[in-house]
C-alpha atoms as a PDB file:
ATOM      1  CA  MET A   1      -0.866  18.291 -11.154  1.00  0.00           C
ATOM      2  CA  ARG A   2       2.561  17.415 -10.145  1.00  0.00           C
ATOM      3  CA  ALA A   3       4.237  14.295 -11.464  1.00  0.00           C
ATOM      4  CA  TYR A   4       7.029  11.846 -10.224  1.00  0.00           C
ATOM      5  CA  SER A   5       9.356   9.123 -11.932  1.00  0.00           C
ATOM      6  CA  LYS A   6      12.033   7.618  -9.992  1.00  0.00           C
ATOM      7  CA  LYS A   7      14.972  10.430  -9.892  1.00  0.00           C
ATOM      8  CA  ASP A   8      12.223  11.641  -7.230  1.00  0.00           C
ATOM      9  CA  VAL A   9      12.008   8.464  -4.573  1.00  0.00           C
ATOM     10  CA  ASP A  10      13.845   8.823  -1.884  1.00  0.00           C
ATOM     11  CA  LYS A  11      15.210   5.444  -1.746  1.00  0.00           C
ATOM     12  CA  LYS A  12      15.772   5.950   2.331  1.00  0.00           C
ATOM     13  CA  ALA A  13      12.224   6.807   2.899  1.00  0.00           C
ATOM     14  CA  LEU A  14      11.532   2.486   3.456  1.00  0.00           C
ATOM     15  CA  LYS A  15      14.667   1.540   4.415  1.00  0.00           C
ATOM     16  CA  GLY A  16      14.924  -1.380   6.564  1.00  0.00           C
ATOM     17  CA  ALA A  17      10.889  -1.024   7.105  1.00  0.00           C
ATOM     18  CA  LYS A  18       8.684  -4.293   7.723  1.00  0.00           C
ATOM     19  CA  ILE A  19       5.826  -3.750   5.424  1.00  0.00           C
ATOM     20  CA  ALA A  20       2.074  -5.083   6.065  1.00  0.00           C
ATOM     21  CA  VAL A  21      -0.398  -6.059   2.941  1.00  0.00           C
ATOM     22  CA  VAL A  22      -3.401  -6.497   4.439  1.00  0.00           C
ATOM     23  CA  GLY A  23      -5.414  -8.588   1.638  1.00  0.00           C
ATOM     24  CA  TYR A  24      -4.246 -10.900  -1.418  1.00  0.00           C
ATOM     25  CA  GLY A  25      -6.608  -9.814  -3.967  1.00  0.00           C
ATOM     26  CA  SER A  26      -5.818  -8.591  -7.631  1.00  0.00           C
ATOM     27  CA  GLN A  27      -3.577  -5.548  -5.884  1.00  0.00           C
ATOM     28  CA  GLY A  28      -2.565  -7.109  -2.889  1.00  0.00           C
ATOM     29  CA  ARG A  29      -1.135 -10.319  -4.352  1.00  0.00           C
ATOM     30  CA  ALA A  30       0.845  -8.188  -7.354  1.00  0.00           C
ATOM     31  CA  HIS A  31       1.517  -5.367  -4.537  1.00  0.00           C
ATOM     32  CA  ALA A  32       3.567  -7.635  -1.965  1.00  0.00           C
ATOM     33  CA  LEU A  33       5.360  -9.748  -5.101  1.00  0.00           C
ATOM     34  CA  ASN A  34       6.536  -6.763  -6.424  1.00  0.00           C
ATOM     35  CA  LEU A  35       8.091  -4.855  -3.265  1.00  0.00           C
ATOM     36  CA  LYS A  36       9.447  -8.197  -1.986  1.00  0.00           C
ATOM     37  CA  ASP A  37      11.289  -8.277  -5.815  1.00  0.00           C
ATOM     38  CA  SER A  38      12.424  -4.608  -5.002  1.00  0.00           C
ATOM     39  CA  GLY A  39      14.034  -6.020  -2.111  1.00  0.00           C
ATOM     40  CA  HIS A  40      11.382  -5.132   0.938  1.00  0.00           C
ATOM     41  CA  ASP A  41      10.513  -6.965   3.879  1.00  0.00           C
ATOM     42  CA  VAL A  42       6.609  -7.904   3.039  1.00  0.00           C
ATOM     43  CA  VAL A  43       4.174  -9.900   5.538  1.00  0.00           C
ATOM     44  CA  ILE A  44       1.221 -10.398   4.038  1.00  0.00           C
ATOM     45  CA  GLY A  45      -1.837 -10.262   6.259  1.00  0.00           C
ATOM     46  CA  VAL A  46      -4.903 -12.537   5.394  1.00  0.00           C
ATOM     47  CA  ARG A  47      -7.253 -14.781   7.681  1.00  0.00           C
ATOM     48  CA  LYS A  48      -6.377 -18.553   6.722  1.00  0.00           C
ATOM     49  CA  GLY A  49      -7.688 -19.643   3.055  1.00  0.00           C
ATOM     50  CA  ASP A  50      -7.250 -20.273  -0.495  1.00  0.00           C
ATOM     51  CA  SER A  51      -5.239 -16.368  -0.267  1.00  0.00           C
ATOM     52  CA  TRP A  52      -2.824 -18.075   3.022  1.00  0.00           C
ATOM     53  CA  LYS A  53      -2.181 -20.965   1.198  1.00  0.00           C
ATOM     54  CA  GLN A  54      -0.959 -18.777  -2.061  1.00  0.00           C
ATOM     55  CA  ALA A  55       0.985 -16.489   0.072  1.00  0.00           C
ATOM     56  CA  LYS A  56       2.606 -18.880   1.357  1.00  0.00           C
ATOM     57  CA  LYS A  57       3.320 -20.472  -1.967  1.00  0.00           C
ATOM     58  CA  ASP A  58       4.458 -17.666  -3.750  1.00  0.00           C
ATOM     59  CA  GLY A  59       7.077 -17.509  -0.839  1.00  0.00           C
ATOM     60  CA  LEU A  60       5.787 -14.487   1.526  1.00  0.00           C
ATOM     61  CA  ALA A  61       5.658 -14.565   5.416  1.00  0.00           C
ATOM     62  CA  VAL A  62       1.754 -15.076   6.525  1.00  0.00           C
ATOM     63  CA  ALA A  63       0.301 -13.889   9.485  1.00  0.00           C
ATOM     64  CA  THR A  64      -3.272 -13.147  10.663  1.00  0.00           C
ATOM     65  CA  PRO A  65      -3.854  -8.916  10.154  1.00  0.00           C
ATOM     66  CA  ALA A  66      -3.361  -8.157  13.680  1.00  0.00           C
ATOM     67  CA  GLU A  67      -0.519 -10.820  13.883  1.00  0.00           C
ATOM     68  CA  ALA A  68       0.842  -8.955  10.550  1.00  0.00           C
ATOM     69  CA  VAL A  69       0.728  -5.371  11.278  1.00  0.00           C
ATOM     70  CA  LYS A  70       2.675  -5.637  14.260  1.00  0.00           C
ATOM     71  CA  GLY A  71       6.208  -3.472  14.391  1.00  0.00           C
ATOM     72  CA  ALA A  72       4.824  -2.967  10.731  1.00  0.00           C
ATOM     73  CA  THR A  73       6.211   0.998   9.625  1.00  0.00           C
ATOM     74  CA  LEU A  74       4.351   0.739   6.615  1.00  0.00           C
ATOM     75  CA  VAL A  75       0.776  -1.348   6.283  1.00  0.00           C
ATOM     76  CA  ALA A  76      -1.287  -1.346   2.776  1.00  0.00           C
ATOM     77  CA  LEU A  77      -4.811  -1.775   3.455  1.00  0.00           C
ATOM     78  CA  LEU A  78      -5.831  -3.189   0.108  1.00  0.00           C
ATOM     79  CA  THR A  79      -8.917  -5.463   0.385  1.00  0.00           C
ATOM     80  CA  PRO A  80     -11.968  -4.438  -0.586  1.00  0.00           C
ATOM     81  CA  ASP A  81     -13.722  -1.164   0.068  1.00  0.00           C
ATOM     82  CA  THR A  82     -16.414  -3.094   1.697  1.00  0.00           C
ATOM     83  CA  THR A  83     -14.567  -4.775   4.706  1.00  0.00           C
ATOM     84  CA  GLN A  84     -11.975  -2.241   4.743  1.00  0.00           C
ATOM     85  CA  ALA A  85     -13.407  -0.278   8.088  1.00  0.00           C
ATOM     86  CA  ALA A  86     -13.976  -3.788   9.376  1.00  0.00           C
ATOM     87  CA  ASN A  87     -10.538  -4.538   8.772  1.00  0.00           C
ATOM     88  CA  TYR A  88      -8.939  -1.033  10.110  1.00  0.00           C
ATOM     89  CA  ARG A  89     -10.889  -1.722  13.376  1.00  0.00           C
ATOM     90  CA  GLU A  90      -9.120  -5.166  13.879  1.00  0.00           C
ATOM     91  CA  ILE A  91      -5.355  -3.986  12.773  1.00  0.00           C
ATOM     92  CA  LEU A  92      -5.604  -0.839  15.323  1.00  0.00           C
ATOM     93  CA  PRO A  93      -5.115  -2.517  18.304  1.00  0.00           C
ATOM     94  CA  ASN A  94      -1.857  -3.880  16.156  1.00  0.00           C
ATOM     95  CA  LEU A  95      -0.559  -0.681  14.966  1.00  0.00           C
ATOM     96  CA  ALA A  96       2.561   1.491  15.787  1.00  0.00           C
ATOM     97  CA  GLN A  97       2.787   5.287  17.003  1.00  0.00           C
ATOM     98  CA  GLY A  98       3.992   6.930  13.734  1.00  0.00           C
ATOM     99  CA  ALA A  99       3.166   3.953  11.040  1.00  0.00           C
ATOM    100  CA  THR A 100       2.571   4.740   7.478  1.00  0.00           C
ATOM    101  CA  LEU A 101      -1.031   3.596   6.276  1.00  0.00           C
ATOM    102  CA  LEU A 102      -1.817   3.207   2.702  1.00  0.00           C
ATOM    103  CA  PHE A 103      -5.061   2.831   0.642  1.00  0.00           C
ATOM    104  CA  ALA A 104      -4.746   2.591  -3.160  1.00  0.00           C
ATOM    105  CA  HIS A 105      -8.548   3.429  -3.361  1.00  0.00           C
ATOM    106  CA  GLY A 106      -9.574   6.118  -1.717  1.00  0.00           C
ATOM    107  CA  PHE A 107     -13.333   6.120  -1.135  1.00  0.00           C
ATOM    108  CA  ASN A 108     -13.410   4.785   3.051  1.00  0.00           C
ATOM    109  CA  ILE A 109     -10.921   7.467   3.990  1.00  0.00           C
ATOM    110  CA  HIS A 110     -12.878  10.427   1.561  1.00  0.00           C
ATOM    111  CA  PHE A 111     -16.017   9.710   2.772  1.00  0.00           C
ATOM    112  CA  LYS A 112     -15.271   9.145   6.541  1.00  0.00           C
ATOM    113  CA  GLN A 113     -15.667   5.097   6.741  1.00  0.00           C
ATOM    114  CA  ILE A 114     -12.066   5.033   7.973  1.00  0.00           C
ATOM    115  CA  LYS A 115     -11.179   7.992  10.489  1.00  0.00           C
ATOM    116  CA  PRO A 116      -7.812   7.108  11.106  1.00  0.00           C
ATOM    117  CA  ARG A 117      -5.288   8.146  14.629  1.00  0.00           C
ATOM    118  CA  LYS A 118      -3.630  11.718  14.268  1.00  0.00           C
ATOM    119  CA  ASP A 119      -0.394  10.102  14.842  1.00  0.00           C
ATOM    120  CA  LEU A 120      -0.620   7.786  11.525  1.00  0.00           C
ATOM    121  CA  ASP A 121       0.412   9.048   8.784  1.00  0.00           C
ATOM    122  CA  VAL A 122      -2.862   8.026   5.703  1.00  0.00           C
ATOM    123  CA  VAL A 123      -1.654   7.935   1.875  1.00  0.00           C
ATOM    124  CA  LEU A 124      -2.698   6.485  -1.615  1.00  0.00           C
ATOM    125  CA  ILE A 125      -1.157   4.815  -4.280  1.00  0.00           C
ATOM    126  CA  ALA A 126      -3.585   3.976  -6.560  1.00  0.00           C
ATOM    127  CA  PRO A 127      -2.049   2.077 -10.253  1.00  0.00           C
ATOM    128  CA  LYS A 128      -4.099   2.270 -12.759  1.00  0.00           C
ATOM    129  CA  GLY A 129      -4.264  -0.767 -13.886  1.00  0.00           C
ATOM    130  CA  PRO A 130      -5.813  -4.131 -12.366  1.00  0.00           C
ATOM    131  CA  GLY A 131      -3.404  -5.996 -10.620  1.00  0.00           C
ATOM    132  CA  ASP A 132      -2.397  -8.619 -12.913  1.00  0.00           C
ATOM    133  CA  LEU A 133      -0.696  -5.578 -15.060  1.00  0.00           C
ATOM    134  CA  VAL A 134       0.473  -4.166 -12.629  1.00  0.00           C
ATOM    135  CA  ARG A 135       2.660  -7.230 -11.405  1.00  0.00           C
ATOM    136  CA  ARG A 136       3.357  -8.690 -15.161  1.00  0.00           C
ATOM    137  CA  GLN A 137       4.645  -5.235 -16.107  1.00  0.00           C
ATOM    138  CA  TYR A 138       6.738  -4.566 -13.061  1.00  0.00           C
ATOM    139  CA  ALA A 139       8.123  -8.449 -13.916  1.00  0.00           C
ATOM    140  CA  GLN A 140       9.080  -7.149 -18.039  1.00  0.00           C
ATOM    141  CA  GLY A 141      11.064  -4.261 -16.675  1.00  0.00           C
ATOM    142  CA  ARG A 142       7.826  -1.793 -16.714  1.00  0.00           C
ATOM    143  CA  GLY A 143       5.667  -0.019 -14.211  1.00  0.00           C
ATOM    144  CA  VAL A 144       1.781   1.020 -14.280  1.00  0.00           C
ATOM    145  CA  PRO A 145       1.313   4.620 -13.796  1.00  0.00           C
ATOM    146  CA  CYS A 146      -0.383   5.115  -9.916  1.00  0.00           C
ATOM    147  CA  LEU A 147      -1.978   8.308  -8.076  1.00  0.00           C
ATOM    148  CA  ILE A 148      -0.187   9.332  -5.150  1.00  0.00           C
ATOM    149  CA  ALA A 149      -2.747  11.307  -2.448  1.00  0.00           C
ATOM    150  CA  VAL A 150      -1.641  12.417   1.628  1.00  0.00           C
ATOM    151  CA  ALA A 151      -4.416  12.487   3.346  1.00  0.00           C
ATOM    152  CA  GLN A 152      -2.747  13.026   6.859  1.00  0.00           C
ATOM    153  CA  ASP A 153       1.362  14.046   7.056  1.00  0.00           C
ATOM    154  CA  ALA A 154       2.108  13.535  10.800  1.00  0.00           C
ATOM    155  CA  SER A 155       5.643  12.491  10.173  1.00  0.00           C
ATOM    156  CA  GLY A 156       6.123  15.047   7.493  1.00  0.00           C
ATOM    157  CA  LYS A 157       7.320  12.170   5.711  1.00  0.00           C
ATOM    158  CA  ALA A 158       4.565  10.608   4.132  1.00  0.00           C
ATOM    159  CA  LYS A 159       4.325  11.656   0.401  1.00  0.00           C
ATOM    160  CA  ALA A 160       8.075  10.335   0.903  1.00  0.00           C
ATOM    161  CA  LYS A 161       7.128   6.884   2.402  1.00  0.00           C
ATOM    162  CA  ALA A 162       3.926   6.840  -0.645  1.00  0.00           C
ATOM    163  CA  LEU A 163       6.674   7.756  -3.336  1.00  0.00           C
ATOM    164  CA  ALA A 164       9.391   4.864  -2.188  1.00  0.00           C
ATOM    165  CA  TYR A 165       6.312   2.332  -2.058  1.00  0.00           C
ATOM    166  CA  ALA A 166       5.146   3.698  -5.427  1.00  0.00           C
ATOM    167  CA  ASP A 167       8.760   2.939  -6.509  1.00  0.00           C
ATOM    168  CA  GLY A 168       8.724  -0.755  -4.829  1.00  0.00           C
ATOM    169  CA  ILE A 169       5.540  -1.988  -7.508  1.00  0.00           C
ATOM    170  CA  GLY A 170       6.640  -0.144 -10.763  1.00  0.00           C
ATOM    171  CA  GLY A 171       4.985   2.361 -10.638  1.00  0.00           C
ATOM    172  CA  THR A 172       7.611   5.747 -10.369  1.00  0.00           C
ATOM    173  CA  ARG A 173       8.669   3.310 -13.876  1.00  0.00           C
ATOM    174  CA  ALA A 174       5.792   4.766 -15.810  1.00  0.00           C
ATOM    175  CA  GLY A 175       5.215   7.945 -13.778  1.00  0.00           C
ATOM    176  CA  VAL A 176       3.262   8.602 -10.556  1.00  0.00           C
ATOM    177  CA  ILE A 177       0.476  11.666 -10.637  1.00  0.00           C
ATOM    178  CA  GLU A 178      -0.559  13.957  -7.949  1.00  0.00           C
ATOM    179  CA  THR A 179      -4.364  14.352  -6.846  1.00  0.00           C
ATOM    180  CA  THR A 180      -6.167  14.398  -4.015  1.00  0.00           C
ATOM    181  CA  PHE A 181      -7.984  10.803  -1.971  1.00  0.00           C
ATOM    182  CA  LYS A 182     -11.379  12.687  -2.883  1.00  0.00           C
ATOM    183  CA  GLU A 183     -10.448  13.215  -6.697  1.00  0.00           C
ATOM    184  CA  GLU A 184      -9.005   9.609  -7.086  1.00  0.00           C
ATOM    185  CA  THR A 185     -12.916   8.518  -5.386  1.00  0.00           C
ATOM    186  CA  GLU A 186     -14.891  10.264  -7.787  1.00  0.00           C
ATOM    187  CA  THR A 187     -13.121   9.871 -11.093  1.00  0.00           C
ATOM    188  CA  ASP A 188     -12.357   6.161 -10.924  1.00  0.00           C
END
């Protein structure tokens, strides 16, 4: 088992990247706000309603999920496990070739509910706490430990991108521990 910290992050891995966060619940809101505060270009993908209004109020760019992922270098699919397969099918036509697809829980990849295209990097950054804690710790200059896993490394840089994402949400401040999608799913 390997642990990573800020010193292990390749700052160029997500430099200039557009990050689409699909979902604006507990984890989605925390990740998006932390990434924005870390200097990343973030757009939220949600349907019109309360989450749309909250994301706008929080000062984030908002679009439908299918529109949000257009041109995104990294797409964080942070909707509930029960809706992720349908969300993936919805955004799939607009996912850029070679994009990174990120999850905060391994369920849909481990149980093959989602079978990603072969050109995509597929990674996991799973904070070991609820979204409000992830946000609060980040705002206080700390972080929540995260798990990292790579299910598909099409670019050869999947882990570097995942670590840069973990850094953007504050995870490298507390430590990022390597695992697999299987282990994360079965132990969560």
